[in-house]
Amino acid sequence: MPSCGCCGKRVNLHFSSKNTSFYDNEYCSPYCREFVEGKHEMVNGWDKTGLKNMSGIEWWPKLKFNCEVCGKEYHTKKNGSLFFCSLECALDLNRKSNIKKAKSLFATFKMMQHQRKYREGDGWMSGKAIYEKMKNRGDVSYNSFPSAFRVWKSYGLIEVRSANIEGVRMNEYRIAERFMSEPIGKFMIECRPKRN
């Protein structure tokens, strides 16, 4: 496995219980990518505590992120929450969205967002590629994403096109450009289907 370009931790390209939505080849977490790309620096122990004998110790700083449910800005440490500002917001995605497997869909959309931002090909992914990522994450039973994606295409979250891949005509999907900056979880809650 490759090593994180920030902290040196091994990057699991297939499955990680903490960072299931990114499959980032260069960094072990969104925190580490932000630390490098935002040109942040470690916090010196003297500056943090005011104690001279702590000057040889360094801390990871809290970095700024935006909550995926309420959209508010919050700060988190290296091993803190990278998507939600609070437990309440994290639970709201499942509780308020009224969407079956909302957490799994959210993770898939975040992975697609990451793919569009950092990978070649403008973020387009074949259905097969998406399914393989989901399967690696442990969503083996959730293989009906094409029908779910048709719903989210109608909402404007997903874009779909037909492509010829190795002589076979199939659909490719990507996250809509507006969701490179807008919170996906918040949109999923706002578009929640009505109960029967």
N, C-alpha and C. Protein backbone atom coordinates (compact mmCIF):
# COMPACT_ATOMS: atom_id res chain seq x y z
N MET A 1 0.84 -1.20 0.00
CA MET A 1 0.00 0.00 0.00
C MET A 1 0.87 1.25 0.00
N PRO A 2 0.46 2.31 -0.72
CA PRO A 2 1.22 3.55 -0.70
C PRO A 2 1.11 4.26 0.63
N SER A 3 1.99 5.22 0.84
CA SER A 3 1.98 5.99 2.09
C SER A 3 1.37 7.37 1.86
N CYS A 4 0.70 7.89 2.87
CA CYS A 4 0.09 9.22 2.81
C CYS A 4 1.16 10.27 2.58
N GLY A 5 0.90 11.19 1.65
CA GLY A 5 1.84 12.25 1.33
C GLY A 5 1.94 13.32 2.39
N CYS A 6 1.20 13.15 3.48
CA CYS A 6 1.24 14.13 4.57
C CYS A 6 1.81 13.52 5.85
N CYS A 7 1.16 12.49 6.35
CA CYS A 7 1.56 11.94 7.64
C CYS A 7 2.32 10.62 7.54
N GLY A 8 2.39 10.03 6.35
CA GLY A 8 3.12 8.80 6.15
C GLY A 8 2.34 7.54 6.45
N LYS A 9 1.09 7.67 6.91
CA LYS A 9 0.26 6.51 7.20
C LYS A 9 -0.04 5.75 5.91
N ARG A 10 -0.16 4.44 6.02
CA ARG A 10 -0.48 3.63 4.86
C ARG A 10 -1.88 3.96 4.34
N VAL A 11 -2.00 4.08 3.03
CA VAL A 11 -3.29 4.41 2.41
C VAL A 11 -3.92 3.13 1.87
N ASN A 12 -5.08 2.78 2.42
CA ASN A 12 -5.81 1.61 1.96
C ASN A 12 -6.68 2.01 0.78
N LEU A 13 -6.34 1.54 -0.40
CA LEU A 13 -7.05 1.95 -1.61
C LEU A 13 -8.38 1.25 -1.79
N HIS A 14 -8.65 0.25 -0.98
CA HIS A 14 -9.86 -0.53 -1.18
C HIS A 14 -10.91 -0.30 -0.11
N PHE A 15 -10.51 -0.34 1.14
CA PHE A 15 -11.51 -0.19 2.19
C PHE A 15 -10.90 0.44 3.42
N SER A 16 -11.58 1.42 3.96
CA SER A 16 -11.18 2.03 5.22
C SER A 16 -12.43 2.41 5.97
N SER A 17 -12.56 1.96 7.19
CA SER A 17 -13.78 2.21 7.96
C SER A 17 -13.97 3.68 8.27
N LYS A 18 -12.87 4.47 8.26
CA LYS A 18 -13.00 5.89 8.59
C LYS A 18 -13.19 6.76 7.36
N ASN A 19 -12.57 6.39 6.25
CA ASN A 19 -12.61 7.25 5.07
C ASN A 19 -13.14 6.47 3.86
N THR A 20 -14.35 5.99 3.99
CA THR A 20 -14.89 5.08 2.99
C THR A 20 -15.30 5.76 1.70
N SER A 21 -15.34 7.09 1.66
CA SER A 21 -15.91 7.73 0.49
C SER A 21 -14.89 8.34 -0.45
N PHE A 22 -13.60 8.20 -0.15
CA PHE A 22 -12.63 8.92 -0.95
C PHE A 22 -11.77 8.05 -1.86
N TYR A 23 -11.24 6.95 -1.35
CA TYR A 23 -10.34 6.13 -2.15
C TYR A 23 -9.25 7.02 -2.75
N ASP A 24 -8.64 7.80 -1.88
CA ASP A 24 -7.62 8.76 -2.29
C ASP A 24 -6.27 8.04 -2.38
N ASN A 25 -5.61 8.13 -3.52
CA ASN A 25 -4.34 7.45 -3.70
C ASN A 25 -3.18 8.17 -3.02
N GLU A 26 -3.34 9.47 -2.77
CA GLU A 26 -2.22 10.26 -2.26
C GLU A 26 -2.27 10.50 -0.75
N TYR A 27 -3.46 10.55 -0.19
CA TYR A 27 -3.60 10.91 1.22
C TYR A 27 -4.53 9.94 1.95
N CYS A 28 -4.29 9.78 3.25
CA CYS A 28 -5.09 8.83 4.02
C CYS A 28 -6.44 9.42 4.45
N SER A 29 -6.60 10.74 4.34
CA SER A 29 -7.85 11.36 4.77
C SER A 29 -7.99 12.74 4.13
N PRO A 30 -9.20 13.29 4.11
CA PRO A 30 -9.39 14.66 3.63
C PRO A 30 -8.59 15.66 4.46
N TYR A 31 -8.41 15.36 5.74
CA TYR A 31 -7.63 16.25 6.60
C TYR A 31 -6.21 16.40 6.07
N CYS A 32 -5.58 15.27 5.75
CA CYS A 32 -4.19 15.32 5.29
C CYS A 32 -4.06 16.05 3.95
N ARG A 33 -5.04 15.84 3.07
CA ARG A 33 -4.99 16.55 1.78
C ARG A 33 -5.13 18.06 2.01
N GLU A 34 -6.05 18.46 2.87
CA GLU A 34 -6.24 19.87 3.17
C GLU A 34 -5.00 20.46 3.85
N PHE A 35 -4.36 19.70 4.73
CA PHE A 35 -3.17 20.17 5.43
C PHE A 35 -2.07 20.53 4.43
N VAL A 36 -1.88 19.67 3.42
CA VAL A 36 -0.83 19.91 2.42
C VAL A 36 -1.24 21.00 1.44
N GLU A 37 -2.43 20.87 0.86
CA GLU A 37 -2.85 21.82 -0.17
C GLU A 37 -3.13 23.20 0.40
N GLY A 38 -3.55 23.25 1.67
CA GLY A 38 -3.78 24.54 2.32
C GLY A 38 -2.53 25.13 2.93
N LYS A 39 -1.41 24.41 2.80
CA LYS A 39 -0.11 24.87 3.30
C LYS A 39 -0.16 25.21 4.78
N HIS A 40 -0.80 24.33 5.55
CA HIS A 40 -0.86 24.52 7.00
C HIS A 40 0.44 24.04 7.63
N GLU A 41 0.66 24.46 8.86
CA GLU A 41 1.86 24.07 9.59
C GLU A 41 1.49 23.47 10.93
N MET A 42 2.39 22.63 11.45
CA MET A 42 2.20 22.05 12.76
C MET A 42 2.25 23.15 13.82
N VAL A 43 1.55 22.92 14.93
CA VAL A 43 1.54 23.89 16.02
C VAL A 43 2.62 23.51 17.04
N ASN A 44 3.52 24.44 17.30
CA ASN A 44 4.59 24.19 18.25
C ASN A 44 4.04 24.13 19.68
N GLY A 45 4.59 23.21 20.48
CA GLY A 45 4.12 23.04 21.85
C GLY A 45 4.24 24.29 22.70
N TRP A 46 5.30 25.07 22.48
CA TRP A 46 5.48 26.32 23.23
C TRP A 46 4.34 27.29 22.91
N ASP A 47 4.02 27.40 21.61
CA ASP A 47 2.94 28.30 21.20
C ASP A 47 1.59 27.81 21.72
N LYS A 48 1.41 26.50 21.78
CA LYS A 48 0.12 25.94 22.19
C LYS A 48 -0.10 26.04 23.69
N THR A 49 0.95 25.75 24.46
CA THR A 49 0.80 25.68 25.91
C THR A 49 1.41 26.84 26.68
N GLY A 50 2.33 27.57 26.03
CA GLY A 50 3.04 28.64 26.73
C GLY A 50 4.17 28.13 27.60
N LEU A 51 4.44 26.83 27.52
CA LEU A 51 5.50 26.23 28.32
C LEU A 51 6.73 25.98 27.46
N LYS A 52 7.85 26.53 27.88
CA LYS A 52 9.08 26.45 27.10
C LYS A 52 9.54 25.01 26.92
N ASN A 53 9.34 24.18 27.95
CA ASN A 53 9.80 22.80 27.86
C ASN A 53 8.97 21.95 26.90
N MET A 54 7.90 22.54 26.34
CA MET A 54 7.07 21.84 25.36
C MET A 54 7.43 22.22 23.92
N SER A 55 8.49 23.02 23.76
CA SER A 55 8.83 23.54 22.44
C SER A 55 9.25 22.45 21.45
N GLY A 56 9.66 21.31 21.94
CA GLY A 56 10.07 20.23 21.04
C GLY A 56 8.93 19.34 20.59
N ILE A 57 7.73 19.63 21.04
CA ILE A 57 6.55 18.83 20.68
C ILE A 57 5.67 19.62 19.72
N GLU A 58 5.11 18.92 18.73
CA GLU A 58 4.24 19.59 17.77
C GLU A 58 2.88 18.89 17.71
N TRP A 59 1.84 19.71 17.48
CA TRP A 59 0.47 19.20 17.36
C TRP A 59 -0.07 19.47 15.96
N TRP A 60 -0.95 18.57 15.52
CA TRP A 60 -1.68 18.85 14.29
C TRP A 60 -2.70 19.94 14.60
N PRO A 61 -2.81 20.95 13.76
CA PRO A 61 -3.78 22.02 14.03
C PRO A 61 -5.20 21.60 13.68
N LYS A 62 -6.17 22.31 14.23
CA LYS A 62 -7.55 22.10 13.80
C LYS A 62 -7.74 22.83 12.47
N LEU A 63 -8.35 22.14 11.50
CA LEU A 63 -8.56 22.71 10.18
C LEU A 63 -10.04 22.97 9.94
N LYS A 64 -10.29 23.88 9.02
CA LYS A 64 -11.65 24.31 8.72
C LYS A 64 -12.28 23.42 7.66
N PHE A 65 -13.51 22.99 7.93
CA PHE A 65 -14.32 22.24 6.98
C PHE A 65 -15.74 22.79 7.03
N ASN A 66 -16.56 22.36 6.09
CA ASN A 66 -17.97 22.74 6.10
C ASN A 66 -18.83 21.51 6.28
N CYS A 67 -19.80 21.61 7.17
CA CYS A 67 -20.68 20.48 7.48
C CYS A 67 -21.49 20.09 6.25
N GLU A 68 -21.58 18.80 6.00
CA GLU A 68 -22.30 18.29 4.83
C GLU A 68 -23.81 18.30 5.02
N VAL A 69 -24.28 18.57 6.23
CA VAL A 69 -25.72 18.59 6.47
C VAL A 69 -26.25 20.00 6.67
N CYS A 70 -25.63 20.77 7.55
CA CYS A 70 -26.14 22.12 7.80
C CYS A 70 -25.37 23.19 7.02
N GLY A 71 -24.22 22.82 6.48
CA GLY A 71 -23.44 23.76 5.69
C GLY A 71 -22.57 24.70 6.49
N LYS A 72 -22.66 24.64 7.83
CA LYS A 72 -21.90 25.56 8.67
C LYS A 72 -20.42 25.20 8.68
N GLU A 73 -19.61 26.23 8.86
CA GLU A 73 -18.17 26.04 8.97
C GLU A 73 -17.81 25.54 10.37
N TYR A 74 -16.91 24.60 10.45
CA TYR A 74 -16.46 24.11 11.75
C TYR A 74 -14.99 23.72 11.65
N HIS A 75 -14.35 23.55 12.78
CA HIS A 75 -12.95 23.18 12.83
C HIS A 75 -12.81 21.81 13.47
N THR A 76 -11.93 20.99 12.93
CA THR A 76 -11.75 19.65 13.48
C THR A 76 -10.29 19.26 13.51
N LYS A 77 -9.94 18.39 14.44
CA LYS A 77 -8.57 17.91 14.55
C LYS A 77 -8.35 16.78 13.56
N LYS A 78 -7.14 16.26 13.52
CA LYS A 78 -6.75 15.26 12.51
C LYS A 78 -7.64 14.02 12.53
N ASN A 79 -7.98 13.52 13.68
CA ASN A 79 -8.79 12.31 13.75
C ASN A 79 -10.26 12.62 14.07
N GLY A 80 -10.68 13.84 13.85
CA GLY A 80 -12.05 14.23 14.14
C GLY A 80 -12.97 13.99 12.96
N SER A 81 -14.20 14.49 13.07
CA SER A 81 -15.19 14.33 12.01
C SER A 81 -14.80 15.16 10.80
N LEU A 82 -14.88 14.56 9.62
CA LEU A 82 -14.48 15.26 8.40
C LEU A 82 -15.66 15.62 7.51
N PHE A 83 -16.87 15.27 7.93
CA PHE A 83 -18.04 15.56 7.12
C PHE A 83 -19.12 16.33 7.87
N PHE A 84 -19.19 16.15 9.18
CA PHE A 84 -20.30 16.72 9.95
C PHE A 84 -19.77 17.51 11.15
N CYS A 85 -20.46 18.60 11.46
CA CYS A 85 -20.02 19.46 12.56
C CYS A 85 -20.42 18.91 13.92
N SER A 86 -21.36 17.96 13.94
CA SER A 86 -21.83 17.42 15.21
C SER A 86 -22.45 16.04 14.97
N LEU A 87 -22.62 15.30 16.05
CA LEU A 87 -23.27 14.00 15.97
C LEU A 87 -24.71 14.16 15.50
N GLU A 88 -25.35 15.24 15.92
CA GLU A 88 -26.73 15.49 15.51
C GLU A 88 -26.85 15.59 14.00
N CYS A 89 -25.93 16.32 13.38
CA CYS A 89 -25.96 16.45 11.92
C CYS A 89 -25.65 15.12 11.25
N ALA A 90 -24.74 14.35 11.82
CA ALA A 90 -24.42 13.05 11.26
C ALA A 90 -25.64 12.13 11.28
N LEU A 91 -26.39 12.18 12.37
CA LEU A 91 -27.58 11.35 12.49
C LEU A 91 -28.73 11.86 11.62
N ASP A 92 -28.77 13.17 11.40
CA ASP A 92 -29.85 13.75 10.60
C ASP A 92 -29.89 13.21 9.19
N LEU A 93 -28.73 12.84 8.63
CA LEU A 93 -28.71 12.33 7.27
C LEU A 93 -29.58 11.09 7.15
N ASN A 94 -29.47 10.18 8.11
CA ASN A 94 -30.31 8.97 8.09
C ASN A 94 -31.73 9.24 8.58
N ARG A 95 -31.84 10.09 9.60
CA ARG A 95 -33.14 10.30 10.24
C ARG A 95 -34.08 11.16 9.40
N LYS A 96 -33.54 12.19 8.77
CA LYS A 96 -34.39 13.15 8.07
C LYS A 96 -34.48 12.95 6.56
N SER A 97 -33.54 12.22 5.99
CA SER A 97 -33.54 12.10 4.53
C SER A 97 -34.64 11.17 4.02
N ASN A 98 -35.06 10.22 4.87
CA ASN A 98 -36.08 9.24 4.46
C ASN A 98 -35.65 8.52 3.18
N ILE A 99 -34.36 8.19 3.13
CA ILE A 99 -33.80 7.50 1.97
C ILE A 99 -33.20 6.19 2.43
N LYS A 100 -33.56 5.11 1.79
CA LYS A 100 -32.99 3.82 2.12
C LYS A 100 -31.50 3.82 1.82
N LYS A 101 -30.69 3.37 2.77
CA LYS A 101 -29.24 3.35 2.64
C LYS A 101 -28.68 4.74 2.36
N ALA A 102 -29.17 5.75 3.07
CA ALA A 102 -28.72 7.13 2.87
C ALA A 102 -27.23 7.27 3.10
N LYS A 103 -26.72 6.62 4.14
CA LYS A 103 -25.29 6.73 4.46
C LYS A 103 -24.44 6.16 3.34
N SER A 104 -24.88 5.04 2.77
CA SER A 104 -24.15 4.41 1.67
C SER A 104 -24.17 5.30 0.42
N LEU A 105 -25.33 5.86 0.12
CA LEU A 105 -25.44 6.77 -1.02
C LEU A 105 -24.58 8.01 -0.82
N PHE A 106 -24.63 8.56 0.39
CA PHE A 106 -23.82 9.75 0.68
C PHE A 106 -22.34 9.46 0.46
N ALA A 107 -21.87 8.31 0.95
CA ALA A 107 -20.47 7.94 0.78
C ALA A 107 -20.11 7.80 -0.70
N THR A 108 -21.03 7.26 -1.49
CA THR A 108 -20.80 7.11 -2.92
C THR A 108 -20.74 8.47 -3.60
N PHE A 109 -21.65 9.37 -3.24
CA PHE A 109 -21.64 10.70 -3.84
C PHE A 109 -20.36 11.47 -3.47
N LYS A 110 -19.90 11.31 -2.22
CA LYS A 110 -18.66 11.97 -1.81
C LYS A 110 -17.47 11.40 -2.58
N MET A 111 -17.47 10.10 -2.81
CA MET A 111 -16.42 9.49 -3.60
C MET A 111 -16.43 10.04 -5.02
N MET A 112 -17.62 10.21 -5.60
CA MET A 112 -17.74 10.75 -6.96
C MET A 112 -17.32 12.21 -7.00
N GLN A 113 -17.62 12.95 -5.94
CA GLN A 113 -17.18 14.34 -5.83
C GLN A 113 -15.65 14.41 -5.84
N HIS A 114 -15.04 13.53 -5.05
CA HIS A 114 -13.59 13.46 -4.98
C HIS A 114 -13.01 13.09 -6.35
N GLN A 115 -13.65 12.16 -7.02
CA GLN A 115 -13.19 11.71 -8.33
C GLN A 115 -13.20 12.87 -9.33
N ARG A 116 -14.25 13.69 -9.29
CA ARG A 116 -14.35 14.80 -10.24
C ARG A 116 -13.31 15.88 -9.93
N LYS A 117 -13.02 16.06 -8.65
CA LYS A 117 -12.11 17.13 -8.26
C LYS A 117 -10.64 16.78 -8.49
N TYR A 118 -10.29 15.51 -8.28
CA TYR A 118 -8.87 15.15 -8.27
C TYR A 118 -8.42 14.18 -9.36
N ARG A 119 -9.34 13.57 -10.07
CA ARG A 119 -8.94 12.58 -11.07
C ARG A 119 -9.09 13.11 -12.49
N GLU A 120 -8.49 12.41 -13.42
CA GLU A 120 -8.59 12.79 -14.83
C GLU A 120 -9.96 12.37 -15.38
N GLY A 121 -10.30 12.93 -16.53
CA GLY A 121 -11.55 12.54 -17.18
C GLY A 121 -12.77 13.30 -16.70
N ASP A 122 -12.57 14.43 -16.05
CA ASP A 122 -13.68 15.28 -15.61
C ASP A 122 -14.64 14.58 -14.66
N GLY A 123 -14.18 13.54 -14.01
CA GLY A 123 -15.01 12.90 -12.98
C GLY A 123 -15.97 11.85 -13.47
N TRP A 124 -16.00 11.55 -14.77
CA TRP A 124 -16.93 10.54 -15.29
C TRP A 124 -16.47 9.15 -14.85
N MET A 125 -17.41 8.35 -14.36
CA MET A 125 -17.13 6.98 -13.93
C MET A 125 -18.18 6.04 -14.51
N SER A 126 -17.73 4.91 -14.99
CA SER A 126 -18.68 3.92 -15.50
C SER A 126 -19.43 3.30 -14.33
N GLY A 127 -20.60 2.74 -14.64
CA GLY A 127 -21.36 2.06 -13.61
C GLY A 127 -20.57 0.93 -12.98
N LYS A 128 -19.78 0.25 -13.80
CA LYS A 128 -18.96 -0.86 -13.30
C LYS A 128 -17.93 -0.36 -12.29
N ALA A 129 -17.28 0.76 -12.61
CA ALA A 129 -16.26 1.32 -11.71
C ALA A 129 -16.87 1.74 -10.38
N ILE A 130 -18.06 2.35 -10.45
CA ILE A 130 -18.74 2.77 -9.22
C ILE A 130 -19.11 1.57 -8.38
N TYR A 131 -19.63 0.54 -9.05
CA TYR A 131 -20.02 -0.66 -8.31
C TYR A 131 -18.82 -1.31 -7.62
N GLU A 132 -17.67 -1.34 -8.30
CA GLU A 132 -16.48 -1.94 -7.72
C GLU A 132 -16.04 -1.17 -6.48
N LYS A 133 -16.14 0.16 -6.54
CA LYS A 133 -15.78 0.99 -5.37
C LYS A 133 -16.74 0.70 -4.22
N MET A 134 -18.02 0.61 -4.52
CA MET A 134 -19.01 0.33 -3.49
C MET A 134 -18.80 -1.06 -2.89
N LYS A 135 -18.46 -2.02 -3.73
CA LYS A 135 -18.23 -3.38 -3.27
C LYS A 135 -17.01 -3.44 -2.35
N ASN A 136 -15.95 -2.71 -2.73
CA ASN A 136 -14.76 -2.65 -1.89
C ASN A 136 -15.06 -2.05 -0.52
N ARG A 137 -16.04 -1.15 -0.49
CA ARG A 137 -16.40 -0.50 0.76
C ARG A 137 -17.25 -1.41 1.64
N GLY A 138 -17.78 -2.46 1.04
CA GLY A 138 -18.61 -3.38 1.81
C GLY A 138 -20.07 -3.33 1.44
N ASP A 139 -20.44 -2.50 0.44
CA ASP A 139 -21.83 -2.39 0.02
C ASP A 139 -22.14 -3.42 -1.08
N VAL A 140 -21.79 -4.67 -0.83
CA VAL A 140 -21.95 -5.70 -1.86
C VAL A 140 -23.41 -5.90 -2.24
N SER A 141 -24.29 -5.84 -1.25
CA SER A 141 -25.70 -6.09 -1.52
C SER A 141 -26.37 -4.92 -2.23
N TYR A 142 -25.77 -3.74 -2.14
CA TYR A 142 -26.40 -2.57 -2.75
C TYR A 142 -25.93 -2.42 -4.19
N ASN A 143 -26.54 -3.19 -5.08
CA ASN A 143 -26.12 -3.19 -6.48
C ASN A 143 -27.20 -2.63 -7.41
N SER A 144 -28.19 -1.97 -6.85
CA SER A 144 -29.26 -1.39 -7.67
C SER A 144 -29.07 0.11 -7.84
N PHE A 145 -27.80 0.57 -7.81
CA PHE A 145 -27.57 2.01 -7.87
C PHE A 145 -28.05 2.66 -9.18
N PRO A 146 -28.09 1.96 -10.35
CA PRO A 146 -28.58 2.66 -11.55
C PRO A 146 -29.97 3.25 -11.38
N SER A 147 -30.88 2.52 -10.72
CA SER A 147 -32.22 3.05 -10.51
C SER A 147 -32.19 4.21 -9.52
N ALA A 148 -31.35 4.09 -8.50
CA ALA A 148 -31.22 5.20 -7.54
C ALA A 148 -30.63 6.42 -8.23
N PHE A 149 -29.67 6.20 -9.10
CA PHE A 149 -29.03 7.31 -9.80
C PHE A 149 -30.00 8.02 -10.74
N ARG A 150 -30.95 7.29 -11.30
CA ARG A 150 -31.95 7.94 -12.16
C ARG A 150 -32.76 8.94 -11.35
N VAL A 151 -33.06 8.59 -10.11
CA VAL A 151 -33.79 9.51 -9.23
C VAL A 151 -32.95 10.75 -8.95
N TRP A 152 -31.67 10.55 -8.61
CA TRP A 152 -30.81 11.70 -8.27
C TRP A 152 -30.43 12.51 -9.50
N LYS A 153 -30.50 11.91 -10.68
CA LYS A 153 -30.32 12.69 -11.90
C LYS A 153 -31.48 13.65 -12.06
N SER A 154 -32.70 13.19 -11.76
CA SER A 154 -33.87 14.06 -11.88
C SER A 154 -33.81 15.21 -10.89
N TYR A 155 -33.13 15.00 -9.75
CA TYR A 155 -32.97 16.06 -8.76
C TYR A 155 -31.83 17.03 -9.13
N GLY A 156 -30.94 16.59 -10.03
CA GLY A 156 -29.83 17.46 -10.44
C GLY A 156 -28.53 17.20 -9.70
N LEU A 157 -28.48 16.12 -8.92
CA LEU A 157 -27.25 15.81 -8.18
C LEU A 157 -26.27 15.03 -9.04
N ILE A 158 -26.79 14.18 -9.92
CA ILE A 158 -25.97 13.31 -10.76
C ILE A 158 -26.15 13.67 -12.23
N GLU A 159 -25.07 13.61 -12.99
CA GLU A 159 -25.12 13.76 -14.44
C GLU A 159 -24.85 12.39 -15.07
N VAL A 160 -25.54 12.10 -16.18
CA VAL A 160 -25.40 10.80 -16.85
C VAL A 160 -25.16 11.03 -18.33
N ARG A 161 -24.27 10.22 -18.89
CA ARG A 161 -24.06 10.25 -20.34
C ARG A 161 -23.81 8.82 -20.82
N SER A 162 -24.05 8.59 -22.10
CA SER A 162 -23.78 7.30 -22.70
C SER A 162 -22.39 7.35 -23.32
N ALA A 163 -21.59 6.31 -23.11
CA ALA A 163 -20.22 6.29 -23.62
C ALA A 163 -19.89 4.92 -24.16
N ASN A 164 -18.96 4.89 -25.10
CA ASN A 164 -18.48 3.65 -25.67
C ASN A 164 -17.19 3.29 -24.95
N ILE A 165 -17.24 2.26 -24.10
CA ILE A 165 -16.09 1.85 -23.31
C ILE A 165 -15.66 0.46 -23.76
N GLU A 166 -14.50 0.39 -24.39
CA GLU A 166 -13.96 -0.87 -24.90
C GLU A 166 -14.97 -1.59 -25.80
N GLY A 167 -15.61 -0.81 -26.67
CA GLY A 167 -16.54 -1.36 -27.64
C GLY A 167 -17.92 -1.66 -27.10
N VAL A 168 -18.15 -1.31 -25.85
CA VAL A 168 -19.46 -1.56 -25.24
C VAL A 168 -20.11 -0.24 -24.86
N ARG A 169 -21.36 -0.07 -25.25
CA ARG A 169 -22.10 1.15 -24.91
C ARG A 169 -22.65 1.04 -23.50
N MET A 170 -22.28 1.97 -22.62
CA MET A 170 -22.77 1.95 -21.25
C MET A 170 -22.85 3.37 -20.70
N ASN A 171 -23.54 3.50 -19.58
CA ASN A 171 -23.68 4.81 -18.95
C ASN A 171 -22.47 5.14 -18.09
N GLU A 172 -22.14 6.43 -18.10
CA GLU A 172 -21.15 6.97 -17.17
C GLU A 172 -21.84 8.02 -16.31
N TYR A 173 -21.35 8.17 -15.09
CA TYR A 173 -21.98 9.08 -14.13
C TYR A 173 -20.93 10.00 -13.52
N ARG A 174 -21.39 11.18 -13.11
CA ARG A 174 -20.53 12.06 -12.33
C ARG A 174 -21.39 12.98 -11.48
N ILE A 175 -20.79 13.54 -10.45
CA ILE A 175 -21.49 14.49 -9.58
C ILE A 175 -21.63 15.81 -10.33
N ALA A 176 -22.74 16.51 -10.17
CA ALA A 176 -22.93 17.79 -10.83
C ALA A 176 -21.96 18.83 -10.29
N GLU A 177 -21.57 19.76 -11.14
CA GLU A 177 -20.53 20.73 -10.79
C GLU A 177 -20.89 21.56 -9.56
N ARG A 178 -22.16 21.90 -9.39
CA ARG A 178 -22.54 22.75 -8.26
C ARG A 178 -22.23 22.10 -6.93
N PHE A 179 -22.14 20.76 -6.92
CA PHE A 179 -21.88 20.06 -5.66
C PHE A 179 -20.39 19.88 -5.39
N MET A 180 -19.58 20.61 -6.14
CA MET A 180 -18.18 20.72 -5.76
C MET A 180 -18.04 21.69 -4.60
N SER A 181 -19.08 22.51 -4.37
CA SER A 181 -19.03 23.47 -3.27
C SER A 181 -20.25 23.40 -2.35
N GLU A 182 -21.37 22.90 -2.84
CA GLU A 182 -22.57 22.81 -2.00
C GLU A 182 -22.58 21.50 -1.21
N PRO A 183 -23.11 21.52 0.02
CA PRO A 183 -23.14 20.31 0.85
C PRO A 183 -24.11 19.25 0.31
N ILE A 184 -23.59 18.07 0.07
CA ILE A 184 -24.38 16.98 -0.52
C ILE A 184 -25.42 16.46 0.47
N GLY A 185 -25.02 16.29 1.73
CA GLY A 185 -25.96 15.77 2.72
C GLY A 185 -27.17 16.66 2.90
N LYS A 186 -26.95 17.95 2.90
CA LYS A 186 -28.04 18.92 3.04
C LYS A 186 -29.02 18.79 1.87
N PHE A 187 -28.47 18.64 0.66
CA PHE A 187 -29.30 18.50 -0.52
C PHE A 187 -30.11 17.21 -0.47
N MET A 188 -29.49 16.12 0.02
CA MET A 188 -30.20 14.85 0.13
C MET A 188 -31.39 14.96 1.08
N ILE A 189 -31.22 15.71 2.17
CA ILE A 189 -32.32 15.90 3.12
C ILE A 189 -33.42 16.77 2.51
N GLU A 190 -33.03 17.82 1.81
CA GLU A 190 -34.01 18.71 1.19
C GLU A 190 -34.83 18.00 0.12
N CYS A 191 -34.23 17.01 -0.56
CA CYS A 191 -34.91 16.29 -1.63
C CYS A 191 -35.50 14.97 -1.16
N ARG A 192 -35.61 14.80 0.15
CA ARG A 192 -36.10 13.52 0.67
C ARG A 192 -37.46 13.15 0.07
N PRO A 193 -37.61 11.88 -0.28
CA PRO A 193 -38.89 11.44 -0.85
C PRO A 193 -39.99 11.45 0.19
N LYS A 194 -41.21 11.59 -0.26
CA LYS A 194 -42.35 11.59 0.65
C LYS A 194 -42.65 10.17 1.12
N ARG A 195 -43.09 10.06 2.34
CA ARG A 195 -43.48 8.75 2.84
C ARG A 195 -44.82 8.33 2.26
N ASN A 196 -44.96 7.04 2.05
CA ASN A 196 -46.24 6.53 1.51
C ASN A 196 -47.31 6.52 2.57
